[in-house]
Amino acid sequence: MKRQVFFYLFLMCFSVVSMAQKAKTITIKKAANAPVVQPKVQISPSACSKIIIPKAKKQAQSYGTKAPKTYPERFEAFICFDKGQTTYREDALDVLDSVFKIVFDQDNGMFYKMTITGYDDADKITEATASLARERAVNAFHYFASREQTEYIIRRTKSFYKTSSEGATECYIKYKMPFDFKWYNLQDTIHIEKTISGVDLTSKVYILVENDTAECLGKFNDYYYPGQDTTLMSSGYAMLKVPKGALESTTHTKDTINNSLTLSFTSCLSFEDVTREYKLVPHKTQYIVSAGYMVIKSNHCPVYEKTALRDEYPQNITIRLPMELQQNEGRLKFYARTYNPNGTWTYKIIPTKKEKDKESGIETLVGSLTAFQLDTIYLGKRVEEKEMSNYFYPAQEGEPGAFNAMGGWLKPYKLDKKGSIVIKKDMQAILRKPSEKTLR
């Protein structure tokens, strides 16, 4: 009998334990499948003051990376006052602190302006309450002024300006934050809203913070060198075109910069000028016969060695030179100084093309260069050492047009017995024709 009683007791205990385990398993399943509910923040009834910040959009980010800080473009705050009082309540101080932390965070790149609007207690205006709304607005302003220890609210905001030499550069812009004060009597004014965002404005100061770059900073300055497309002509009918900003530019800055630019363009292309003091195009390993040169000078140019974005400078500066008919067969090119990887400069061919006028047959040589090549641009032709005799005559030191090369002296022309100029055929295809006055 005792055994049977013990057996029944055992069965009853086992059943109770099994039911408890089953109930526990079901509870866990329900919790796993139920939607996640964020806990609501309980606000004390005494916490009248509040800040309303729009919910930021979620941004995609890589796994394991820290989400970047986000700041609102616009947000609101309500500062509460006790009836008849101009000193804000203790819960209002917490809200003011929150507004300050957002607006004056050094990582915040917004350019905020602030509107502070004071409201009275909606009572009939008396001598005691006439300035109530205004004094409340002033006290809210004094909170920010006291935090900054300034009469006006001075703010430093992270920004960027961009130069063609360095790209985007981080900077901090210091500016006086725009403030707007307003105050209203809620009983006598019928043309104003008495609630904002569902909040009753009685005995409150309403603070509106908005990102407004234009009002905070005014117009940004952009500087270009040159400031507009610039075309210059030389005495040899050569034309230089420098597009706006081809030399350098600074944009999105609040600084004042002296952006005056002086460009000059002269040429030495006539037969007389070229042969008076003849020189080959300077080069260590090649012989380049010179047919003249053009000199471009500017008081403002980027420095190649100090420019981080030098590889991004376009070849958008152009030189155009109409050729004389006999030069069409000369295969002339433009040579400009070009930077070598070893840190030296060498004169090399720049991108060159020919444009031919169908009616006249005149060819125009067009070359493209960068802002780093504004210097002397040569017109010339590369030749081998063995070909030099096809262009020059042997000379003696001191003869007109004589120059030192290849261990001796050479000259680009000679005079016959009658005093007339004689030029070799290959040289005739390179140099412009002497003037009639020279021939005489």
Protein backbone atom coordinates (compact mmCIF):
# COMPACT_ATOMS: atom_id res chain seq x y z
CA MET A 1 0.00 0.00 0.00
CA LYS A 2 2.83 2.38 0.90
CA ARG A 3 4.50 1.58 -2.41
CA GLN A 4 1.36 2.50 -4.34
CA VAL A 5 1.01 5.78 -2.48
CA PHE A 6 4.66 6.60 -3.17
CA PHE A 7 4.23 5.74 -6.89
CA TYR A 8 1.17 8.04 -7.22
CA LEU A 9 3.03 10.85 -5.51
CA PHE A 10 5.94 10.39 -7.93
CA LEU A 11 3.63 10.57 -10.98
CA MET A 12 1.99 13.74 -9.69
CA CYS A 13 5.39 15.47 -9.17
CA PHE A 14 6.63 14.46 -12.62
CA SER A 15 3.45 15.85 -14.26
CA VAL A 16 3.81 19.19 -12.47
CA VAL A 17 7.48 19.54 -13.55
CA SER A 18 6.66 18.62 -17.17
CA MET A 19 3.86 21.17 -17.37
CA ALA A 20 6.14 23.85 -15.93
CA GLN A 21 8.85 23.10 -18.53
CA LYS A 22 6.32 23.18 -21.37
CA ALA A 23 4.90 26.48 -20.20
CA LYS A 24 8.43 27.95 -19.99
CA THR A 25 9.26 26.83 -23.54
CA ILE A 26 6.12 28.40 -24.95
CA THR A 27 6.85 31.69 -23.16
CA ILE A 28 10.34 31.89 -24.68
CA LYS A 29 9.00 31.23 -28.18
CA LYS A 30 6.44 33.96 -27.90
CA ALA A 31 9.08 36.42 -26.69
CA ALA A 32 11.34 35.61 -29.65
CA ASN A 33 8.62 36.10 -32.25
CA ALA A 34 7.02 39.18 -30.74
CA PRO A 35 7.86 42.58 -32.27
CA VAL A 36 10.55 44.59 -30.50
CA VAL A 37 8.99 47.52 -28.61
CA GLN A 38 11.25 50.39 -27.58
CA PRO A 39 10.56 51.50 -24.02
CA LYS A 40 8.86 54.86 -23.79
CA VAL A 41 10.58 57.55 -21.80
CA GLN A 42 8.41 58.61 -18.91
CA ILE A 43 8.36 62.37 -18.51
CA SER A 44 7.59 63.78 -15.10
CA PRO A 45 4.47 65.97 -15.05
CA SER A 46 6.65 68.71 -13.55
CA ALA A 47 9.04 68.58 -16.53
CA CYS A 48 7.22 71.21 -18.54
CA SER A 49 10.24 72.27 -20.64
CA LYS A 50 11.16 70.11 -23.60
CA ILE A 51 13.27 69.89 -26.74
CA ILE A 52 11.87 68.53 -29.99
CA ILE A 53 14.41 67.14 -32.47
CA PRO A 54 13.27 65.59 -35.77
CA LYS A 55 14.19 61.95 -36.12
CA ALA A 56 17.31 61.56 -38.26
CA LYS A 57 17.32 59.23 -41.24
CA LYS A 58 19.33 56.06 -40.76
CA GLN A 59 22.54 55.99 -42.80
CA ALA A 60 24.12 52.83 -44.16
CA GLN A 61 27.43 51.98 -42.53
CA SER A 62 29.97 49.19 -42.69
CA TYR A 63 29.89 46.47 -40.08
CA GLY A 64 32.04 47.30 -37.09
CA THR A 65 32.34 51.01 -37.85
CA LYS A 66 31.12 53.67 -35.48
CA ALA A 67 28.10 55.60 -36.68
CA PRO A 68 28.97 59.23 -37.41
CA LYS A 69 27.42 62.01 -35.39
CA THR A 70 24.37 63.60 -36.98
CA TYR A 71 23.02 67.04 -36.25
CA PRO A 72 19.55 68.41 -36.98
CA GLU A 73 19.01 71.07 -39.63
CA ARG A 74 16.20 72.47 -37.50
CA PHE A 75 14.91 71.83 -33.98
CA GLU A 76 12.74 73.45 -31.31
CA ALA A 77 12.79 73.92 -27.55
CA PHE A 78 10.22 75.14 -25.04
CA ILE A 79 11.39 76.84 -21.83
CA CYS A 80 8.87 77.03 -19.00
CA PHE A 81 8.38 79.78 -16.42
CA ASP A 82 6.23 79.89 -13.34
CA LYS A 83 3.30 82.31 -13.42
CA GLY A 84 4.45 85.89 -13.07
CA GLN A 85 8.15 84.91 -13.01
CA THR A 86 10.95 85.87 -15.45
CA THR A 87 13.46 83.31 -14.14
CA TYR A 88 13.21 79.96 -15.94
CA ARG A 89 12.48 76.80 -13.98
CA GLU A 90 14.96 74.07 -13.06
CA ASP A 91 13.68 71.68 -15.73
CA ALA A 92 14.18 74.51 -18.28
CA LEU A 93 17.89 74.63 -17.43
CA ASP A 94 18.29 70.99 -18.50
CA VAL A 95 16.68 71.81 -21.86
CA LEU A 96 18.84 74.90 -22.33
CA ASP A 97 21.91 72.75 -21.61
CA SER A 98 20.77 70.28 -24.28
CA VAL A 99 20.30 73.06 -26.84
CA PHE A 100 23.77 74.40 -26.03
CA LYS A 101 25.42 71.00 -26.44
CA ILE A 102 23.94 70.56 -29.90
CA VAL A 103 24.53 74.08 -31.20
CA PHE A 104 28.06 74.52 -29.85
CA ASP A 105 29.46 71.04 -30.49
CA GLN A 106 32.77 71.62 -32.32
CA ASP A 107 32.04 68.74 -34.70
CA ASN A 108 28.74 70.32 -35.71
CA GLY A 109 29.16 71.79 -39.19
CA MET A 110 25.80 73.56 -39.23
CA PHE A 111 25.61 77.34 -39.39
CA TYR A 112 22.83 77.95 -36.92
CA LYS A 113 20.71 81.02 -36.33
CA MET A 114 18.39 81.22 -33.32
CA THR A 115 14.98 82.77 -32.82
CA ILE A 116 13.86 83.35 -29.22
CA THR A 117 10.20 84.22 -28.67
CA GLY A 118 8.80 85.08 -25.24
CA TYR A 119 5.18 84.69 -24.16
CA ASP A 120 3.38 85.98 -21.09
CA ASP A 121 0.81 84.24 -18.91
CA ALA A 122 -2.17 85.14 -21.16
CA ASP A 123 -3.42 87.53 -18.50
CA LYS A 124 -4.64 91.06 -18.94
CA ILE A 125 -1.74 93.46 -19.45
CA THR A 126 -0.84 95.48 -16.38
CA GLU A 127 2.15 97.55 -15.41
CA ALA A 128 3.63 94.52 -13.69
CA THR A 129 3.11 92.11 -16.61
CA ALA A 130 3.69 94.44 -19.59
CA SER A 131 7.35 93.43 -19.98
CA LEU A 132 6.98 89.83 -18.79
CA ALA A 133 7.30 88.20 -22.22
CA ARG A 134 10.27 90.34 -23.22
CA GLU A 135 12.21 89.72 -20.00
CA ARG A 136 11.70 85.97 -20.38
CA ALA A 137 13.16 86.08 -23.90
CA VAL A 138 16.11 88.18 -22.70
CA ASN A 139 16.86 85.77 -19.87
CA ALA A 140 16.92 82.85 -22.30
CA PHE A 141 19.40 84.77 -24.44
CA HIS A 142 21.54 85.60 -21.39
CA TYR A 143 21.90 81.89 -20.72
CA PHE A 144 23.81 81.42 -24.01
CA ALA A 145 25.72 84.67 -23.63
CA SER A 146 26.89 83.69 -20.13
CA ARG A 147 28.04 80.28 -21.39
CA GLU A 148 30.14 82.01 -24.08
CA GLN A 149 31.07 84.92 -21.77
CA THR A 150 30.36 87.42 -24.55
CA GLU A 151 27.83 90.12 -25.18
CA TYR A 152 27.04 88.48 -28.49
CA ILE A 153 27.07 84.78 -29.27
CA ILE A 154 30.29 84.03 -31.12
CA ARG A 155 30.47 80.62 -32.74
CA ARG A 156 33.22 78.68 -34.50
CA THR A 157 32.02 76.19 -37.08
CA LYS A 158 34.02 73.62 -39.00
CA SER A 159 33.97 74.28 -42.72
CA PHE A 160 35.99 73.65 -45.87
CA TYR A 161 37.47 75.85 -48.55
CA LYS A 162 38.88 74.46 -51.77
CA THR A 163 41.96 75.40 -53.73
CA SER A 164 43.10 74.01 -57.06
CA SER A 165 46.50 73.37 -55.45
CA GLU A 166 45.49 71.53 -52.27
CA GLY A 167 41.86 70.50 -52.76
CA ALA A 168 39.40 70.68 -49.85
CA THR A 169 41.04 72.10 -46.73
CA GLU A 170 39.39 72.02 -43.31
CA CYS A 171 39.03 75.29 -41.47
CA TYR A 172 36.99 76.89 -38.69
CA ILE A 173 34.93 79.97 -39.46
CA LYS A 174 34.27 82.37 -36.60
CA TYR A 175 31.05 84.34 -36.86
CA LYS A 176 28.45 86.12 -34.76
CA MET A 177 25.38 83.94 -34.51
CA PRO A 178 22.24 85.73 -35.73
CA PHE A 179 19.62 86.08 -33.01
CA ASP A 180 16.05 87.28 -33.41
CA PHE A 181 13.95 88.40 -30.42
CA LYS A 182 10.18 88.46 -30.32
CA TRP A 183 7.62 88.70 -27.49
CA TYR A 184 3.84 88.52 -27.42
CA ASN A 185 0.91 88.97 -25.07
CA LEU A 186 -1.28 85.96 -25.63
CA GLN A 187 -4.54 87.61 -24.53
CA ASP A 188 -4.47 90.79 -26.59
CA THR A 189 -2.83 89.36 -29.74
CA ILE A 190 -5.24 87.37 -31.88
CA HIS A 191 -3.12 86.98 -35.00
CA ILE A 192 -0.48 84.66 -33.58
CA GLU A 193 -0.43 80.94 -32.97
CA LYS A 194 -1.02 80.04 -29.34
CA THR A 195 0.40 76.55 -29.82
CA ILE A 196 3.44 75.30 -31.75
CA SER A 197 3.99 71.62 -32.46
CA GLY A 198 1.04 70.93 -30.19
CA VAL A 199 2.62 72.72 -27.22
CA ASP A 200 0.71 75.49 -25.41
CA LEU A 201 2.85 78.65 -25.41
CA THR A 202 1.49 80.14 -22.19
CA SER A 203 4.30 81.08 -19.76
CA LYS A 204 7.01 79.84 -22.12
CA VAL A 205 9.88 80.89 -24.27
CA TYR A 206 10.00 79.23 -27.66
CA ILE A 207 13.46 78.64 -29.18
CA LEU A 208 13.82 77.80 -32.85
CA VAL A 209 17.27 76.78 -34.14
CA GLU A 210 17.78 76.63 -37.93
CA ASN A 211 20.73 75.96 -40.22
CA ASP A 212 21.07 79.07 -42.41
CA THR A 213 24.52 79.51 -43.95
CA ALA A 214 23.59 82.58 -45.98
CA GLU A 215 22.33 84.56 -42.99
CA CYS A 216 25.22 83.52 -40.75
CA LEU A 217 28.05 84.14 -43.17
CA GLY A 218 26.67 86.10 -46.07
CA LYS A 219 28.20 85.42 -49.47
CA PHE A 220 31.20 83.13 -49.81
CA ASN A 221 34.11 84.42 -51.88
CA ASP A 222 35.50 82.67 -54.95
CA TYR A 223 38.80 83.73 -56.47
CA TYR A 224 40.04 82.69 -59.91
CA TYR A 225 43.30 83.38 -61.72
CA PRO A 226 42.56 84.75 -64.22
CA GLY A 227 39.10 85.93 -63.18
CA GLN A 228 37.73 85.42 -66.69
CA ASP A 229 38.75 83.87 -70.00
CA THR A 230 41.76 85.91 -71.14
CA THR A 231 43.19 86.22 -74.65
CA LEU A 232 46.47 88.01 -75.41
CA MET A 233 48.16 88.74 -78.74
CA SER A 234 51.89 89.08 -79.42
CA SER A 235 53.63 91.14 -82.07
CA GLY A 236 54.24 87.97 -84.08
CA TYR A 237 50.48 87.30 -84.40
CA ALA A 238 50.74 84.54 -81.83
CA MET A 239 47.70 84.25 -79.56
CA LEU A 240 47.58 83.04 -75.96
CA LYS A 241 44.31 81.93 -74.39
CA VAL A 242 44.13 81.36 -70.61
CA PRO A 243 40.70 80.11 -69.42
CA LYS A 244 39.16 81.34 -66.18
CA GLY A 245 40.90 79.74 -63.20
CA ALA A 246 43.50 77.94 -65.33
CA LEU A 247 46.38 79.18 -63.17
CA GLU A 248 44.80 78.75 -59.76
CA SER A 249 41.55 79.13 -57.85
CA THR A 250 40.27 79.39 -54.28
CA THR A 251 36.58 78.82 -53.67
CA HIS A 252 34.14 78.82 -50.74
CA THR A 253 36.25 81.04 -48.51
CA LYS A 254 35.41 83.93 -46.21
CA ASP A 255 38.91 85.41 -46.52
CA THR A 256 39.70 88.47 -48.60
CA ILE A 257 42.40 87.68 -51.14
CA ASN A 258 44.28 89.95 -53.50
CA ASN A 259 43.24 88.35 -56.78
CA SER A 260 44.88 90.85 -59.12
CA LEU A 261 46.68 89.15 -61.99
CA THR A 262 49.17 90.51 -64.48
CA LEU A 263 49.74 88.43 -67.62
CA SER A 264 52.21 89.35 -70.34
CA PHE A 265 52.86 87.66 -73.68
CA THR A 266 55.76 88.66 -75.94
CA SER A 267 57.36 86.87 -78.86
CA CYS A 268 60.62 86.65 -80.71
CA LEU A 269 59.60 85.12 -84.05
CA SER A 270 60.89 87.34 -86.84
CA PHE A 271 63.97 86.28 -88.80
CA GLU A 272 65.93 89.28 -87.56
CA ASP A 273 65.11 88.75 -83.88
CA VAL A 274 65.77 85.02 -83.96
CA THR A 275 69.12 85.18 -85.75
CA ARG A 276 70.49 88.26 -83.96
CA GLU A 277 71.50 86.17 -80.95
CA TYR A 278 70.72 82.64 -82.05
CA LYS A 279 70.38 79.86 -79.46
CA LEU A 280 69.28 76.25 -79.65
CA VAL A 281 66.40 75.14 -77.45
CA PRO A 282 68.08 74.24 -74.12
CA HIS A 283 68.27 70.47 -73.73
CA LYS A 284 70.96 68.16 -72.33
CA THR A 285 70.58 65.18 -74.65
CA GLN A 286 68.80 66.44 -77.78
CA TYR A 287 69.43 69.04 -80.45
CA ILE A 288 66.37 71.18 -81.00
CA VAL A 289 66.66 73.88 -83.66
CA SER A 290 64.88 77.05 -82.57
CA ALA A 291 62.57 78.94 -84.94
CA GLY A 292 61.71 81.53 -82.28
CA TYR A 293 60.14 81.71 -78.89
CA MET A 294 57.34 83.28 -76.88
CA VAL A 295 57.62 84.42 -73.27
CA ILE A 296 54.61 84.16 -70.95
CA LYS A 297 54.86 85.83 -67.56
CA SER A 298 52.38 85.97 -64.70
CA ASN A 299 52.59 87.47 -61.24
CA HIS A 300 50.53 84.56 -59.91
CA CYS A 301 51.33 80.93 -60.70
CA PRO A 302 51.19 77.69 -58.74
CA VAL A 303 54.51 76.22 -57.59
CA TYR A 304 54.89 72.71 -58.95
CA GLU A 305 56.86 71.30 -56.02
CA LYS A 306 54.38 72.72 -53.47
CA THR A 307 51.18 71.74 -55.27
CA ALA A 308 49.51 68.55 -54.03
CA LEU A 309 47.08 68.27 -56.95
CA ARG A 310 49.53 69.06 -59.74
CA ASP A 311 48.56 65.93 -61.68
CA GLU A 312 44.98 67.22 -61.87
CA TYR A 313 45.85 70.49 -63.59
CA PRO A 314 44.43 70.37 -67.13
CA GLN A 315 46.33 71.29 -70.29
CA ASN A 316 43.80 73.97 -71.12
CA ILE A 317 46.07 76.95 -71.80
CA THR A 318 46.55 77.26 -75.56
CA ILE A 319 48.93 79.04 -77.91
CA ARG A 320 48.00 79.62 -81.54
CA LEU A 321 50.58 80.68 -84.13
CA PRO A 322 49.83 81.19 -87.85
CA MET A 323 52.70 79.74 -89.91
CA GLU A 324 54.21 81.27 -93.02
CA LEU A 325 53.68 79.20 -96.18
CA GLN A 326 57.29 77.99 -96.38
CA GLN A 327 57.06 76.79 -92.77
CA ASN A 328 54.31 74.31 -93.58
CA GLU A 329 56.94 71.71 -94.45
CA GLY A 330 59.03 72.42 -91.37
CA ARG A 331 57.17 70.08 -89.01
CA LEU A 332 57.54 72.55 -86.21
CA LYS A 333 56.43 71.87 -82.66
CA PHE A 334 56.02 73.83 -79.45
CA TYR A 335 58.49 73.07 -76.66
CA ALA A 336 57.82 73.97 -73.04
CA ARG A 337 59.61 73.15 -69.81
CA THR A 338 58.35 69.85 -68.41
CA TYR A 339 58.96 68.34 -65.01
CA ASN A 340 60.95 65.09 -64.83
CA PRO A 341 60.49 62.43 -62.11
CA ASN A 342 64.07 63.04 -60.90
CA GLY A 343 63.21 66.61 -59.96
CA THR A 344 64.64 68.42 -62.97
CA TRP A 345 63.00 70.45 -65.71
CA THR A 346 63.51 69.73 -69.39
CA TYR A 347 62.09 71.32 -72.53
CA LYS A 348 59.83 68.79 -74.24
CA ILE A 349 57.13 68.80 -76.90
CA ILE A 350 53.73 69.81 -75.58
CA PRO A 351 50.54 68.48 -77.22
CA THR A 352 50.55 70.16 -80.64
CA LYS A 353 48.23 70.04 -83.63
CA LYS A 354 47.81 71.88 -86.92
CA GLU A 355 44.72 73.60 -88.25
CA LYS A 356 44.73 74.39 -91.98
CA ASP A 357 42.67 77.05 -93.68
CA LYS A 358 41.29 75.51 -96.89
CA GLU A 359 41.16 78.77 -98.84
CA SER A 360 44.52 80.31 -97.99
CA GLY A 361 46.41 77.11 -97.21
CA ILE A 362 47.88 78.76 -94.12
CA GLU A 363 48.45 76.41 -91.23
CA THR A 364 48.00 77.44 -87.60
CA LEU A 365 50.04 75.62 -85.00
CA VAL A 366 48.10 75.05 -81.77
CA GLY A 367 49.76 73.96 -78.52
CA SER A 368 48.32 73.06 -75.11
CA LEU A 369 50.08 73.52 -71.80
CA THR A 370 49.42 73.62 -68.05
CA ALA A 371 49.76 76.39 -65.50
CA PHE A 372 53.20 75.05 -64.50
CA GLN A 373 54.63 75.66 -67.98
CA LEU A 374 54.15 79.42 -68.15
CA ASP A 375 57.64 80.51 -69.07
CA THR A 376 59.47 80.52 -72.39
CA ILE A 377 57.72 78.48 -75.08
CA TYR A 378 59.98 77.61 -78.00
CA LEU A 379 59.01 76.95 -81.59
CA GLY A 380 61.41 74.40 -83.00
CA LYS A 381 62.31 71.04 -84.45
CA ARG A 382 64.30 68.14 -83.08
CA VAL A 383 67.25 67.02 -85.23
CA GLU A 384 70.06 64.50 -84.94
CA GLU A 385 73.65 65.65 -84.55
CA LYS A 386 74.48 64.53 -88.08
CA GLU A 387 71.66 66.72 -89.42
CA MET A 388 72.95 69.95 -87.86
CA SER A 389 74.98 70.75 -90.99
CA ASN A 390 71.68 70.86 -92.96
CA TYR A 391 70.69 73.92 -90.94
CA PHE A 392 73.84 75.81 -89.95
CA TYR A 393 77.09 77.13 -91.41
CA PRO A 394 80.46 76.93 -89.68
CA ALA A 395 81.30 80.24 -88.01
CA GLN A 396 83.93 82.15 -86.11
CA GLU A 397 83.43 83.66 -82.70
CA GLY A 398 82.07 87.17 -82.98
CA GLU A 399 80.33 86.75 -86.35
CA PRO A 400 76.72 88.01 -86.60
CA GLY A 401 74.35 85.29 -85.31
CA ALA A 402 77.22 82.95 -84.33
CA PHE A 403 76.68 80.71 -81.31
CA ASN A 404 78.69 78.03 -79.55
CA ALA A 405 77.53 74.42 -80.04
CA MET A 406 78.95 70.94 -80.60
CA GLY A 407 82.42 72.08 -79.50
CA GLY A 408 82.61 74.91 -82.03
CA TRP A 409 80.77 77.86 -83.55
CA LEU A 410 77.78 77.79 -85.89
CA LYS A 411 75.55 80.40 -87.55
CA PRO A 412 72.03 80.16 -89.09
CA TYR A 413 72.86 82.18 -92.27
CA LYS A 414 75.71 83.76 -94.17
CA LEU A 415 76.16 86.70 -96.55
CA ASP A 416 77.21 86.25 -100.18
CA LYS A 417 79.58 88.55 -102.03
CA LYS A 418 76.72 90.97 -102.75
CA GLY A 419 75.76 91.12 -99.06
CA SER A 420 72.57 89.12 -99.54
CA ILE A 421 71.42 86.63 -96.92
CA VAL A 422 71.88 82.95 -97.75
CA ILE A 423 70.01 80.29 -95.76
CA LYS A 424 70.16 76.53 -96.07
CA LYS A 425 67.03 74.85 -97.47
CA ASP A 426 66.10 73.05 -94.23
CA MET A 427 66.53 76.27 -92.28
CA GLN A 428 64.28 78.12 -94.74
CA ALA A 429 61.46 75.73 -93.83
CA ILE A 430 61.81 76.66 -90.17
CA LEU A 431 62.51 80.40 -89.97
CA ARG A 432 60.21 83.13 -91.16
CA LYS A 433 61.35 85.05 -94.22
CA PRO A 434 63.68 88.02 -93.71
CA SER A 435 62.04 91.37 -94.34
CA GLU A 436 62.79 93.28 -97.56
CA LYS A 437 64.64 95.84 -95.47
CA THR A 438 66.97 93.12 -94.20
CA LEU A 439 67.55 91.79 -97.70
CA ARG A 440 68.66 95.23 -98.86
